[in-house]
Amino acid sequence: MTVNIYDLANDLERGIRALPEYQDVAVAKEKIAQDNAAKALWEEFTAVQERIQGLLQSGQMPSQEDQDSMQAIGQKIEGNPILKEYFDAQQRLSVYMTDIERIIFKPLHDLVK
């Protein structure tokens, strides 16, 4: 019996989208888009996050100011129920994604042992 790996991958994609945890993230994301305060805070968060990731990718360490900015935004997010809901939903979904990644990459890990 021949297995079409692409069919399996597409089935997995549909399965992920059907997860209640995925749906929770999608709903929370839509709530952010509909709330000006949450949307502005989200944009501030992503800008600081991108700046820090850029520094790390170029081999630089974020400054204390960058770290303080990220910490301050984290506190604002904790105080915003819409963004907190989004990040909590993302965390629940990431459990599945970590498990799926481990399963998918197991054959490749086995090849390098």
N, C-alpha and C. Protein backbone atom coordinates (compact mmCIF):
# COMPACT_ATOMS: atom_id res chain seq x y z
N MET A 1 0.85 -1.19 0.00
CA MET A 1 0.00 0.00 0.00
C MET A 1 0.88 1.24 0.00
N THR A 2 0.68 2.10 -0.96
CA THR A 2 1.44 3.33 -1.08
C THR A 2 0.72 4.46 -0.35
N VAL A 3 1.47 5.20 0.43
CA VAL A 3 0.91 6.32 1.18
C VAL A 3 1.37 7.61 0.52
N ASN A 4 0.42 8.49 0.24
CA ASN A 4 0.77 9.79 -0.31
C ASN A 4 1.02 10.73 0.87
N ILE A 5 2.28 11.06 1.06
CA ILE A 5 2.68 11.88 2.20
C ILE A 5 2.00 13.24 2.17
N TYR A 6 1.73 13.76 0.99
CA TYR A 6 1.07 15.07 0.88
C TYR A 6 -0.38 14.99 1.33
N ASP A 7 -1.03 13.88 1.05
CA ASP A 7 -2.39 13.70 1.55
C ASP A 7 -2.40 13.68 3.08
N LEU A 8 -1.41 12.98 3.66
CA LEU A 8 -1.31 12.94 5.12
C LEU A 8 -1.06 14.34 5.69
N ALA A 9 -0.19 15.09 5.03
CA ALA A 9 0.11 16.45 5.51
C ALA A 9 -1.13 17.34 5.42
N ASN A 10 -1.88 17.21 4.33
CA ASN A 10 -3.11 18.01 4.19
C ASN A 10 -4.16 17.59 5.21
N ASP A 11 -4.24 16.29 5.50
CA ASP A 11 -5.15 15.83 6.55
C ASP A 11 -4.76 16.41 7.90
N LEU A 12 -3.46 16.44 8.17
CA LEU A 12 -2.99 17.01 9.42
C LEU A 12 -3.35 18.49 9.51
N GLU A 13 -3.15 19.21 8.42
CA GLU A 13 -3.50 20.64 8.40
C GLU A 13 -4.97 20.84 8.71
N ARG A 14 -5.82 20.07 8.08
CA ARG A 14 -7.27 20.19 8.35
C ARG A 14 -7.58 19.80 9.80
N GLY A 15 -6.89 18.80 10.31
CA GLY A 15 -7.10 18.38 11.69
C GLY A 15 -6.71 19.46 12.68
N ILE A 16 -5.60 20.14 12.40
CA ILE A 16 -5.17 21.23 13.28
C ILE A 16 -6.21 22.35 13.27
N ARG A 17 -6.68 22.71 12.09
CA ARG A 17 -7.69 23.78 12.00
C ARG A 17 -9.00 23.40 12.70
N ALA A 18 -9.27 22.12 12.82
CA ALA A 18 -10.50 21.67 13.47
C ALA A 18 -10.38 21.59 15.00
N LEU A 19 -9.16 21.69 15.51
CA LEU A 19 -8.98 21.63 16.96
C LEU A 19 -9.71 22.78 17.66
N PRO A 20 -10.37 22.51 18.76
CA PRO A 20 -10.99 23.60 19.52
C PRO A 20 -9.96 24.65 19.95
N GLU A 21 -8.74 24.22 20.24
CA GLU A 21 -7.68 25.15 20.64
C GLU A 21 -7.31 26.09 19.49
N TYR A 22 -7.32 25.57 18.27
CA TYR A 22 -7.05 26.42 17.10
C TYR A 22 -8.18 27.42 16.93
N GLN A 23 -9.40 26.94 17.05
CA GLN A 23 -10.57 27.82 16.93
C GLN A 23 -10.55 28.92 17.99
N ASP A 24 -10.12 28.57 19.20
CA ASP A 24 -10.02 29.58 20.27
C ASP A 24 -9.04 30.68 19.90
N VAL A 25 -7.91 30.31 19.30
CA VAL A 25 -6.92 31.31 18.88
C VAL A 25 -7.51 32.19 17.78
N ALA A 26 -8.20 31.59 16.83
CA ALA A 26 -8.80 32.36 15.73
C ALA A 26 -9.83 33.36 16.26
N VAL A 27 -10.65 32.93 17.20
CA VAL A 27 -11.66 33.82 17.79
C VAL A 27 -10.98 34.95 18.56
N ALA A 28 -9.96 34.61 19.35
CA ALA A 28 -9.25 35.62 20.13
C ALA A 28 -8.55 36.62 19.21
N LYS A 29 -8.00 36.14 18.09
CA LYS A 29 -7.34 37.03 17.13
C LYS A 29 -8.34 38.02 16.53
N GLU A 30 -9.53 37.55 16.25
CA GLU A 30 -10.57 38.43 15.70
C GLU A 30 -10.98 39.48 16.73
N LYS A 31 -11.03 39.10 18.00
CA LYS A 31 -11.36 40.07 19.05
C LYS A 31 -10.32 41.17 19.13
N ILE A 32 -9.06 40.82 18.93
CA ILE A 32 -8.00 41.83 18.92
C ILE A 32 -8.24 42.83 17.79
N ALA A 33 -8.56 42.31 16.62
CA ALA A 33 -8.77 43.17 15.45
C ALA A 33 -9.94 44.12 15.65
N GLN A 34 -10.89 43.74 16.48
CA GLN A 34 -12.09 44.56 16.68
C GLN A 34 -11.98 45.54 17.84
N ASP A 35 -10.89 45.47 18.59
CA ASP A 35 -10.73 46.34 19.77
C ASP A 35 -9.51 47.24 19.56
N ASN A 36 -9.74 48.56 19.49
CA ASN A 36 -8.65 49.48 19.18
C ASN A 36 -7.52 49.44 20.20
N ALA A 37 -7.84 49.36 21.48
CA ALA A 37 -6.80 49.33 22.51
C ALA A 37 -5.97 48.05 22.41
N ALA A 38 -6.64 46.93 22.25
CA ALA A 38 -5.93 45.65 22.13
C ALA A 38 -5.10 45.63 20.86
N LYS A 39 -5.65 46.15 19.79
CA LYS A 39 -4.93 46.17 18.51
C LYS A 39 -3.66 47.03 18.61
N ALA A 40 -3.77 48.20 19.23
CA ALA A 40 -2.61 49.08 19.38
C ALA A 40 -1.54 48.43 20.25
N LEU A 41 -1.96 47.79 21.31
CA LEU A 41 -1.00 47.11 22.19
C LEU A 41 -0.35 45.94 21.47
N TRP A 42 -1.14 45.21 20.68
CA TRP A 42 -0.61 44.10 19.89
C TRP A 42 0.46 44.61 18.92
N GLU A 43 0.18 45.71 18.25
CA GLU A 43 1.15 46.28 17.30
C GLU A 43 2.42 46.74 18.02
N GLU A 44 2.26 47.32 19.21
CA GLU A 44 3.42 47.71 20.01
C GLU A 44 4.25 46.48 20.39
N PHE A 45 3.57 45.43 20.82
CA PHE A 45 4.24 44.19 21.20
C PHE A 45 5.02 43.61 20.02
N THR A 46 4.38 43.51 18.87
CA THR A 46 5.06 42.90 17.71
C THR A 46 6.24 43.75 17.25
N ALA A 47 6.14 45.07 17.35
CA ALA A 47 7.26 45.93 16.95
C ALA A 47 8.46 45.71 17.85
N VAL A 48 8.24 45.66 19.15
CA VAL A 48 9.34 45.43 20.09
C VAL A 48 9.90 44.02 19.91
N GLN A 49 9.01 43.05 19.73
CA GLN A 49 9.44 41.66 19.54
C GLN A 49 10.30 41.53 18.27
N GLU A 50 9.88 42.17 17.19
CA GLU A 50 10.66 42.11 15.94
C GLU A 50 12.02 42.78 16.10
N ARG A 51 12.05 43.89 16.83
CA ARG A 51 13.33 44.58 17.06
C ARG A 51 14.28 43.67 17.85
N ILE A 52 13.76 43.03 18.89
CA ILE A 52 14.60 42.15 19.70
C ILE A 52 15.05 40.93 18.91
N GLN A 53 14.16 40.35 18.12
CA GLN A 53 14.54 39.20 17.30
C GLN A 53 15.60 39.58 16.27
N GLY A 54 15.47 40.77 15.71
CA GLY A 54 16.47 41.25 14.75
C GLY A 54 17.83 41.39 15.40
N LEU A 55 17.85 41.92 16.61
CA LEU A 55 19.12 42.03 17.34
C LEU A 55 19.74 40.66 17.59
N LEU A 56 18.92 39.74 18.06
CA LEU A 56 19.42 38.40 18.36
C LEU A 56 19.93 37.70 17.11
N GLN A 57 19.22 37.86 16.00
CA GLN A 57 19.64 37.22 14.76
C GLN A 57 20.95 37.79 14.22
N SER A 58 21.21 39.05 14.57
CA SER A 58 22.47 39.66 14.11
C SER A 58 23.59 39.47 15.13
N GLY A 59 23.32 38.68 16.15
CA GLY A 59 24.34 38.36 17.14
C GLY A 59 24.48 39.39 18.25
N GLN A 60 23.55 40.33 18.33
CA GLN A 60 23.60 41.35 19.36
C GLN A 60 22.63 40.99 20.49
N MET A 61 22.96 41.44 21.65
CA MET A 61 22.07 41.25 22.79
C MET A 61 21.16 42.48 22.91
N PRO A 62 19.88 42.25 23.25
CA PRO A 62 18.99 43.40 23.45
C PRO A 62 19.49 44.26 24.62
N SER A 63 19.32 45.55 24.48
CA SER A 63 19.73 46.47 25.54
C SER A 63 18.80 46.31 26.74
N GLN A 64 19.22 46.87 27.84
CA GLN A 64 18.36 46.86 29.02
C GLN A 64 17.06 47.60 28.73
N GLU A 65 17.14 48.65 27.93
CA GLU A 65 15.94 49.40 27.54
C GLU A 65 14.97 48.51 26.75
N ASP A 66 15.51 47.72 25.82
CA ASP A 66 14.66 46.80 25.05
C ASP A 66 14.01 45.77 25.98
N GLN A 67 14.80 45.24 26.91
CA GLN A 67 14.27 44.26 27.85
C GLN A 67 13.20 44.88 28.74
N ASP A 68 13.44 46.11 29.17
CA ASP A 68 12.45 46.80 30.00
C ASP A 68 11.17 47.06 29.21
N SER A 69 11.33 47.42 27.93
CA SER A 69 10.16 47.65 27.07
C SER A 69 9.32 46.38 26.94
N MET A 70 10.00 45.26 26.72
CA MET A 70 9.29 44.00 26.57
C MET A 70 8.59 43.62 27.87
N GLN A 71 9.24 43.84 28.98
CA GLN A 71 8.63 43.54 30.27
C GLN A 71 7.41 44.43 30.51
N ALA A 72 7.52 45.71 30.18
CA ALA A 72 6.40 46.64 30.37
C ALA A 72 5.22 46.24 29.48
N ILE A 73 5.51 45.85 28.26
CA ILE A 73 4.43 45.41 27.36
C ILE A 73 3.79 44.14 27.88
N GLY A 74 4.61 43.23 28.41
CA GLY A 74 4.08 42.01 29.00
C GLY A 74 3.11 42.30 30.12
N GLN A 75 3.43 43.28 30.93
CA GLN A 75 2.53 43.66 32.02
C GLN A 75 1.24 44.27 31.48
N LYS A 76 1.36 45.08 30.43
CA LYS A 76 0.15 45.65 29.81
C LYS A 76 -0.73 44.55 29.23
N ILE A 77 -0.09 43.57 28.61
CA ILE A 77 -0.84 42.45 28.02
C ILE A 77 -1.59 41.69 29.11
N GLU A 78 -0.91 41.45 30.22
CA GLU A 78 -1.56 40.74 31.34
C GLU A 78 -2.79 41.51 31.83
N GLY A 79 -2.75 42.82 31.71
CA GLY A 79 -3.87 43.65 32.14
C GLY A 79 -4.96 43.82 31.10
N ASN A 80 -4.71 43.34 29.89
CA ASN A 80 -5.71 43.46 28.82
C ASN A 80 -6.36 42.09 28.62
N PRO A 81 -7.63 41.95 29.01
CA PRO A 81 -8.25 40.62 28.94
C PRO A 81 -8.32 40.03 27.53
N ILE A 82 -8.41 40.86 26.53
CA ILE A 82 -8.49 40.35 25.15
C ILE A 82 -7.15 39.74 24.74
N LEU A 83 -6.06 40.46 25.02
CA LEU A 83 -4.74 39.92 24.67
C LEU A 83 -4.36 38.76 25.56
N LYS A 84 -4.73 38.82 26.81
CA LYS A 84 -4.44 37.71 27.71
C LYS A 84 -5.15 36.45 27.21
N GLU A 85 -6.38 36.58 26.79
CA GLU A 85 -7.12 35.45 26.24
C GLU A 85 -6.40 34.88 25.02
N TYR A 86 -5.91 35.77 24.15
CA TYR A 86 -5.20 35.33 22.95
C TYR A 86 -3.94 34.54 23.31
N PHE A 87 -3.13 35.08 24.22
CA PHE A 87 -1.89 34.40 24.57
C PHE A 87 -2.15 33.10 25.32
N ASP A 88 -3.18 33.07 26.14
CA ASP A 88 -3.54 31.82 26.82
C ASP A 88 -3.97 30.76 25.81
N ALA A 89 -4.76 31.18 24.81
CA ALA A 89 -5.20 30.25 23.77
C ALA A 89 -4.01 29.77 22.95
N GLN A 90 -3.09 30.68 22.63
CA GLN A 90 -1.88 30.30 21.90
C GLN A 90 -1.08 29.25 22.68
N GLN A 91 -1.00 29.43 23.98
CA GLN A 91 -0.25 28.50 24.82
C GLN A 91 -0.87 27.10 24.77
N ARG A 92 -2.20 27.05 24.84
CA ARG A 92 -2.88 25.74 24.78
C ARG A 92 -2.65 25.07 23.43
N LEU A 93 -2.70 25.85 22.35
CA LEU A 93 -2.46 25.29 21.02
C LEU A 93 -1.01 24.83 20.86
N SER A 94 -0.09 25.55 21.48
CA SER A 94 1.32 25.20 21.32
C SER A 94 1.65 23.83 21.89
N VAL A 95 0.86 23.35 22.85
CA VAL A 95 1.07 22.00 23.38
C VAL A 95 0.91 20.98 22.25
N TYR A 96 -0.16 21.12 21.49
CA TYR A 96 -0.38 20.22 20.34
C TYR A 96 0.74 20.36 19.32
N MET A 97 1.10 21.62 19.01
CA MET A 97 2.07 21.84 17.96
C MET A 97 3.44 21.27 18.34
N THR A 98 3.81 21.36 19.60
CA THR A 98 5.07 20.78 20.06
C THR A 98 5.05 19.27 19.93
N ASP A 99 3.94 18.66 20.32
CA ASP A 99 3.83 17.21 20.20
C ASP A 99 3.87 16.77 18.74
N ILE A 100 3.15 17.49 17.89
CA ILE A 100 3.12 17.15 16.47
C ILE A 100 4.51 17.30 15.85
N GLU A 101 5.19 18.37 16.20
CA GLU A 101 6.55 18.57 15.68
C GLU A 101 7.46 17.43 16.10
N ARG A 102 7.38 17.03 17.34
CA ARG A 102 8.21 15.92 17.84
C ARG A 102 7.92 14.65 17.04
N ILE A 103 6.65 14.36 16.80
CA ILE A 103 6.26 13.16 16.06
C ILE A 103 6.75 13.22 14.62
N ILE A 104 6.54 14.35 13.97
CA ILE A 104 6.91 14.49 12.55
C ILE A 104 8.42 14.37 12.35
N PHE A 105 9.19 14.97 13.25
CA PHE A 105 10.63 14.99 13.05
C PHE A 105 11.34 13.78 13.65
N LYS A 106 10.62 12.89 14.30
CA LYS A 106 11.25 11.70 14.87
C LYS A 106 12.00 10.87 13.83
N PRO A 107 11.45 10.63 12.65
CA PRO A 107 12.22 9.84 11.66
C PRO A 107 13.54 10.51 11.26
N LEU A 108 13.55 11.84 11.20
CA LEU A 108 14.78 12.54 10.85
C LEU A 108 15.81 12.46 11.99
N HIS A 109 15.33 12.55 13.21
CA HIS A 109 16.22 12.41 14.37
C HIS A 109 16.80 11.00 14.41
N ASP A 110 15.98 10.02 14.07
CA ASP A 110 16.46 8.65 14.06
C ASP A 110 17.60 8.44 13.05
N LEU A 111 17.56 9.19 11.95
CA LEU A 111 18.61 9.06 10.92
C LEU A 111 19.95 9.59 11.38
N VAL A 112 19.96 10.52 12.29
CA VAL A 112 21.23 11.11 12.71
C VAL A 112 21.78 10.48 13.99
N LYS A 113 21.10 9.50 14.52
CA LYS A 113 21.57 8.83 15.74
C LYS A 113 22.68 7.86 15.40
